[in-house]
C-alpha atoms as a PDB file:
ATOM      1  CA  UNK A   1     -21.734  10.555 -14.268  1.00  0.00           C
ATOM      2  CA  UNK A   2     -24.446   7.987 -13.581  1.00  0.00           C
ATOM      3  CA  UNK A   3     -25.585   8.026 -17.201  1.00  0.00           C
ATOM      4  CA  UNK A   4     -22.014   7.424 -18.366  1.00  0.00           C
ATOM      5  CA  UNK A   5     -21.709   4.403 -16.079  1.00  0.00           C
ATOM      6  CA  UNK A   6     -25.061   3.008 -17.231  1.00  0.00           C
ATOM      7  CA  UNK A   7     -24.059   3.485 -20.860  1.00  0.00           C
ATOM      8  CA  UNK A   8     -20.717   1.732 -20.330  1.00  0.00           C
ATOM      9  CA  UNK A   9     -22.413  -1.199 -18.601  1.00  0.00           C
ATOM     10  CA  UNK A  10     -24.847  -1.506 -21.505  1.00  0.00           C
ATOM     11  CA  UNK A  11     -21.934  -1.576 -23.934  1.00  0.00           C
ATOM     12  CA  UNK A  12     -20.176  -4.397 -22.107  1.00  0.00           C
ATOM     13  CA  UNK A  13     -23.140  -6.677 -21.389  1.00  0.00           C
ATOM     14  CA  UNK A  14     -23.493  -8.052 -24.933  1.00  0.00           C
ATOM     15  CA  UNK A  15     -19.820  -9.048 -24.849  1.00  0.00           C
ATOM     16  CA  UNK A  16     -20.297 -11.355 -21.873  1.00  0.00           C
ATOM     17  CA  UNK A  17     -21.344 -14.987 -21.827  1.00  0.00           C
ATOM     18  CA  UNK A  18     -24.237 -16.329 -19.772  1.00  0.00           C
ATOM     19  CA  UNK A  19     -22.011 -17.513 -16.910  1.00  0.00           C
ATOM     20  CA  UNK A  20     -20.395 -14.096 -16.654  1.00  0.00           C
ATOM     21  CA  UNK A  21     -23.796 -12.398 -16.737  1.00  0.00           C
ATOM     22  CA  UNK A  22     -25.042 -14.729 -13.988  1.00  0.00           C
ATOM     23  CA  UNK A  23     -22.005 -13.833 -11.874  1.00  0.00           C
ATOM     24  CA  UNK A  24     -22.607 -10.126 -12.343  1.00  0.00           C
ATOM     25  CA  UNK A  25     -26.278 -10.579 -11.518  1.00  0.00           C
ATOM     26  CA  UNK A  26     -25.340 -12.396  -8.298  1.00  0.00           C
ATOM     27  CA  UNK A  27     -23.042  -9.524  -7.312  1.00  0.00           C
ATOM     28  CA  UNK A  28     -25.752  -6.955  -8.029  1.00  0.00           C
ATOM     29  CA  UNK A  29     -28.252  -8.937  -5.954  1.00  0.00           C
ATOM     30  CA  UNK A  30     -25.790  -9.160  -3.056  1.00  0.00           C
ATOM     31  CA  UNK A  31     -25.250  -5.383  -3.190  1.00  0.00           C
ATOM     32  CA  UNK A  32     -28.987  -4.795  -3.083  1.00  0.00           C
ATOM     33  CA  UNK A  33     -29.415  -7.239  -0.192  1.00  0.00           C
ATOM     34  CA  UNK A  34     -26.695  -5.434   1.766  1.00  0.00           C
ATOM     35  CA  UNK A  35     -28.406  -2.106   1.179  1.00  0.00           C
ATOM     36  CA  UNK A  36     -31.690  -3.598   2.314  1.00  0.00           C
ATOM     37  CA  UNK A  37     -30.110  -5.085   5.453  1.00  0.00           C
ATOM     38  CA  UNK A  38     -28.288  -1.849   6.272  1.00  0.00           C
ATOM     39  CA  UNK A  39     -31.463   0.176   5.921  1.00  0.00           C
ATOM     40  CA  UNK A  40     -33.234  -1.850   8.606  1.00  0.00           C
ATOM     41  CA  UNK A  41     -33.201   0.210  11.769  1.00  0.00           C
ATOM     42  CA  UNK A  42     -33.253  -1.218  15.248  1.00  0.00           C
ATOM     43  CA  UNK A  43     -35.286   0.181  18.089  1.00  0.00           C
ATOM     44  CA  UNK A  44     -33.801   2.287  20.862  1.00  0.00           C
ATOM     45  CA  UNK A  45     -34.553  -0.565  23.250  1.00  0.00           C
ATOM     46  CA  UNK A  46     -32.614  -3.041  21.089  1.00  0.00           C
ATOM     47  CA  UNK A  47     -29.734  -0.598  20.784  1.00  0.00           C
ATOM     48  CA  UNK A  48     -29.618  -0.117  24.559  1.00  0.00           C
ATOM     49  CA  UNK A  49     -29.745  -3.901  25.118  1.00  0.00           C
ATOM     50  CA  UNK A  50     -26.803  -4.419  22.772  1.00  0.00           C
ATOM     51  CA  UNK A  51     -24.803  -1.636  24.449  1.00  0.00           C
ATOM     52  CA  UNK A  52     -25.500  -3.095  27.887  1.00  0.00           C
ATOM     53  CA  UNK A  53     -24.511  -6.586  26.706  1.00  0.00           C
ATOM     54  CA  UNK A  54     -21.249  -5.171  25.367  1.00  0.00           C
ATOM     55  CA  UNK A  55     -20.527  -3.373  28.628  1.00  0.00           C
ATOM     56  CA  UNK A  56     -21.177  -6.581  30.591  1.00  0.00           C
ATOM     57  CA  UNK A  57     -18.833  -8.547  28.311  1.00  0.00           C
ATOM     58  CA  UNK A  58     -16.145  -5.904  28.839  1.00  0.00           C
ATOM     59  CA  UNK A  59     -16.586  -6.060  32.622  1.00  0.00           C
ATOM     60  CA  UNK A  60     -16.188  -9.855  32.471  1.00  0.00           C
ATOM     61  CA  UNK A  61     -12.886  -9.394  30.667  1.00  0.00           C
ATOM     62  CA  UNK A  62     -14.197 -10.613  27.321  1.00  0.00           C
ATOM     63  CA  UNK A  63     -12.334  -8.194  25.088  1.00  0.00           C
ATOM     64  CA  UNK A  64      -9.066  -7.888  23.203  1.00  0.00           C
ATOM     65  CA  UNK A  65      -6.719  -4.933  23.417  1.00  0.00           C
ATOM     66  CA  UNK A  66      -5.704  -2.981  20.344  1.00  0.00           C
ATOM     67  CA  UNK A  67      -2.115  -4.172  20.752  1.00  0.00           C
ATOM     68  CA  UNK A  68      -3.143  -7.830  21.037  1.00  0.00           C
ATOM     69  CA  UNK A  69      -5.414  -7.488  18.039  1.00  0.00           C
ATOM     70  CA  UNK A  70      -2.638  -5.961  15.952  1.00  0.00           C
ATOM     71  CA  UNK A  71      -0.277  -8.768  16.981  1.00  0.00           C
ATOM     72  CA  UNK A  72      -2.879 -11.391  16.160  1.00  0.00           C
ATOM     73  CA  UNK A  73      -3.659  -9.780  12.819  1.00  0.00           C
ATOM     74  CA  UNK A  74       0.048  -9.751  11.996  1.00  0.00           C
ATOM     75  CA  UNK A  75       0.030 -13.550  12.212  1.00  0.00           C
ATOM     76  CA  UNK A  76      -2.669 -13.954   9.564  1.00  0.00           C
END
């Protein structure tokens, strides 16, 4: 499957202009940056800090209910 996709991409590239190729290159770079960012792991200590911060925000009332969120999203 991967080889078929690579082959199809190679067939289309010569048909594109420079601006289109630059756009595709930007998309590819953004995909690779996302993969790189997602592969960065946080420490257990950082994870626990973030969980505790979230719990504290919830206790302070800084949250939105599912129903309120759905209503708000319906107004978008």
